[in-house]
Amino acid sequence: MSYSLDWYEAALNIAAGYIKDDPDGVDELFDALGRLTDDPRPRKSKALTTPQLRRLRVGKYRVLYEIVDSVGSIIVIHVGRVG
């Protein structure tokens, strides 16, 4: 089953704000998020309070996302950057 990738508007705006100073890092981030549509629970991700709420580290970025299995959707809730 392939999942759709949906974004909270605020999370997308945050990611877009990083493009100017780190285009390669943001490309890597978007590539990793695109791969979630085929594997929403990669080994590199970590379950948080529930198995559906997860964190993924991609380089210096951290992504909080939720998996909604019933509708086949991954919702990106927040994107943050370390350093």
C-alpha atoms as a PDB file:
ATOM      1  CA  MET A   1       0.000   0.000   0.000  1.00  0.00           C
ATOM      2  CA  SER A   2       1.314   3.419  -0.918  1.00  0.00           C
ATOM      3  CA  TYR A   3       0.499   6.300   1.415  1.00  0.00           C
ATOM      4  CA  SER A   4      -0.200   9.908   0.497  1.00  0.00           C
ATOM      5  CA  LEU A   5       1.965  12.636   2.005  1.00  0.00           C
ATOM      6  CA  ASP A   6       0.082  15.587   3.459  1.00  0.00           C
ATOM      7  CA  TRP A   7       1.444  18.612   5.300  1.00  0.00           C
ATOM      8  CA  TYR A   8       0.246  20.988   7.951  1.00  0.00           C
ATOM      9  CA  GLU A   9       0.591  24.382   6.321  1.00  0.00           C
ATOM     10  CA  ALA A  10       2.858  25.633   9.118  1.00  0.00           C
ATOM     11  CA  ALA A  11       5.248  22.675   8.659  1.00  0.00           C
ATOM     12  CA  LEU A  12       5.474  23.288   4.918  1.00  0.00           C
ATOM     13  CA  ASN A  13       6.143  26.984   5.500  1.00  0.00           C
ATOM     14  CA  ILE A  14       8.939  26.148   7.950  1.00  0.00           C
ATOM     15  CA  ALA A  15      10.562  23.753   5.465  1.00  0.00           C
ATOM     16  CA  ALA A  16      10.262  26.326   2.683  1.00  0.00           C
ATOM     17  CA  GLY A  17      11.983  28.883   4.900  1.00  0.00           C
ATOM     18  CA  TYR A  18      15.111  26.703   5.033  1.00  0.00           C
ATOM     19  CA  ILE A  19      15.472  26.411   1.246  1.00  0.00           C
ATOM     20  CA  LYS A  20      17.420  29.642   0.734  1.00  0.00           C
ATOM     21  CA  ASP A  21      20.284  28.832   3.106  1.00  0.00           C
ATOM     22  CA  ASP A  22      20.291  25.011   2.769  1.00  0.00           C
ATOM     23  CA  PRO A  23      18.855  23.860  -0.578  1.00  0.00           C
ATOM     24  CA  ASP A  24      20.740  20.532  -0.534  1.00  0.00           C
ATOM     25  CA  GLY A  25      19.589  19.712   2.985  1.00  0.00           C
ATOM     26  CA  VAL A  26      15.978  20.517   2.131  1.00  0.00           C
ATOM     27  CA  ASP A  27      16.226  18.343  -1.005  1.00  0.00           C
ATOM     28  CA  GLU A  28      17.475  15.489   1.181  1.00  0.00           C
ATOM     29  CA  LEU A  29      14.589  16.136   3.596  1.00  0.00           C
ATOM     30  CA  PHE A  30      11.971  16.045   0.841  1.00  0.00           C
ATOM     31  CA  ASP A  31      13.510  12.876  -0.648  1.00  0.00           C
ATOM     32  CA  ALA A  32      13.336  11.138   2.742  1.00  0.00           C
ATOM     33  CA  LEU A  33       9.742  12.227   3.256  1.00  0.00           C
ATOM     34  CA  GLY A  34       8.830  10.989  -0.214  1.00  0.00           C
ATOM     35  CA  ARG A  35      10.205   7.552   0.678  1.00  0.00           C
ATOM     36  CA  LEU A  36       7.812   7.434   3.639  1.00  0.00           C
ATOM     37  CA  THR A  37       4.943   6.885   1.191  1.00  0.00           C
ATOM     38  CA  ASP A  38       6.279   3.359   0.584  1.00  0.00           C
ATOM     39  CA  ASP A  39       7.696   2.729   4.065  1.00  0.00           C
ATOM     40  CA  PRO A  40       6.010   4.932   6.710  1.00  0.00           C
ATOM     41  CA  ARG A  41       7.897   3.295   9.578  1.00  0.00           C
ATOM     42  CA  PRO A  42      11.537   3.137   8.500  1.00  0.00           C
ATOM     43  CA  ARG A  43      14.062   1.818  11.010  1.00  0.00           C
ATOM     44  CA  LYS A  44      15.530   5.314  11.303  1.00  0.00           C
ATOM     45  CA  SER A  45      12.229   6.678  12.617  1.00  0.00           C
ATOM     46  CA  LYS A  46      11.184   6.556  16.250  1.00  0.00           C
ATOM     47  CA  ALA A  47       7.710   6.037  17.691  1.00  0.00           C
ATOM     48  CA  LEU A  48       6.757   8.696  20.198  1.00  0.00           C
ATOM     49  CA  THR A  49       3.614   8.619  22.384  1.00  0.00           C
ATOM     50  CA  THR A  50       1.839   6.215  20.010  1.00  0.00           C
ATOM     51  CA  PRO A  51       3.094   3.974  17.196  1.00  0.00           C
ATOM     52  CA  GLN A  52       1.394   6.318  14.718  1.00  0.00           C
ATOM     53  CA  LEU A  53       3.181   9.467  15.924  1.00  0.00           C
ATOM     54  CA  ARG A  54       6.803   9.336  14.818  1.00  0.00           C
ATOM     55  CA  ARG A  55       9.996  11.353  14.547  1.00  0.00           C
ATOM     56  CA  LEU A  56      12.431  11.077  11.682  1.00  0.00           C
ATOM     57  CA  ARG A  57      15.928  12.542  11.617  1.00  0.00           C
ATOM     58  CA  VAL A  58      17.219  13.626   8.223  1.00  0.00           C
ATOM     59  CA  GLY A  59      20.619  15.276   8.453  1.00  0.00           C
ATOM     60  CA  LYS A  60      20.161  18.338  10.626  1.00  0.00           C
ATOM     61  CA  TYR A  61      16.366  18.235  10.273  1.00  0.00           C
ATOM     62  CA  ARG A  62      13.805  16.608  12.545  1.00  0.00           C
ATOM     63  CA  VAL A  63      10.332  15.777  11.316  1.00  0.00           C
ATOM     64  CA  LEU A  64       7.296  14.995  13.425  1.00  0.00           C
ATOM     65  CA  TYR A  65       4.665  13.084  11.493  1.00  0.00           C
ATOM     66  CA  GLU A  66       1.554  11.004  12.022  1.00  0.00           C
ATOM     67  CA  ILE A  67       0.566   7.867  10.145  1.00  0.00           C
ATOM     68  CA  VAL A  68      -3.151   7.423   9.493  1.00  0.00           C
ATOM     69  CA  ASP A  69      -3.352   3.812   8.332  1.00  0.00           C
ATOM     70  CA  SER A  70      -7.135   3.846   7.927  1.00  0.00           C
ATOM     71  CA  VAL A  71      -6.916   6.326   5.036  1.00  0.00           C
ATOM     72  CA  GLY A  72      -3.343   5.642   3.897  1.00  0.00           C
ATOM     73  CA  SER A  73      -1.996   9.058   4.792  1.00  0.00           C
ATOM     74  CA  ILE A  74       1.147  10.467   6.358  1.00  0.00           C
ATOM     75  CA  ILE A  75       0.724  13.929   7.839  1.00  0.00           C
ATOM     76  CA  VAL A  76       3.819  16.068   8.380  1.00  0.00           C
ATOM     77  CA  ILE A  77       3.097  18.021  11.557  1.00  0.00           C
ATOM     78  CA  HIS A  78       6.361  19.870  12.220  1.00  0.00           C
ATOM     79  CA  VAL A  79       9.838  20.347  10.759  1.00  0.00           C
ATOM     80  CA  GLY A  80      12.708  21.599  12.895  1.00  0.00           C
ATOM     81  CA  ARG A  81      16.413  22.093  12.379  1.00  0.00           C
ATOM     82  CA  VAL A  82      19.305  21.474  14.733  1.00  0.00           C
ATOM     83  CA  GLY A  83      22.265  23.807  14.532  1.00  0.00           C
END
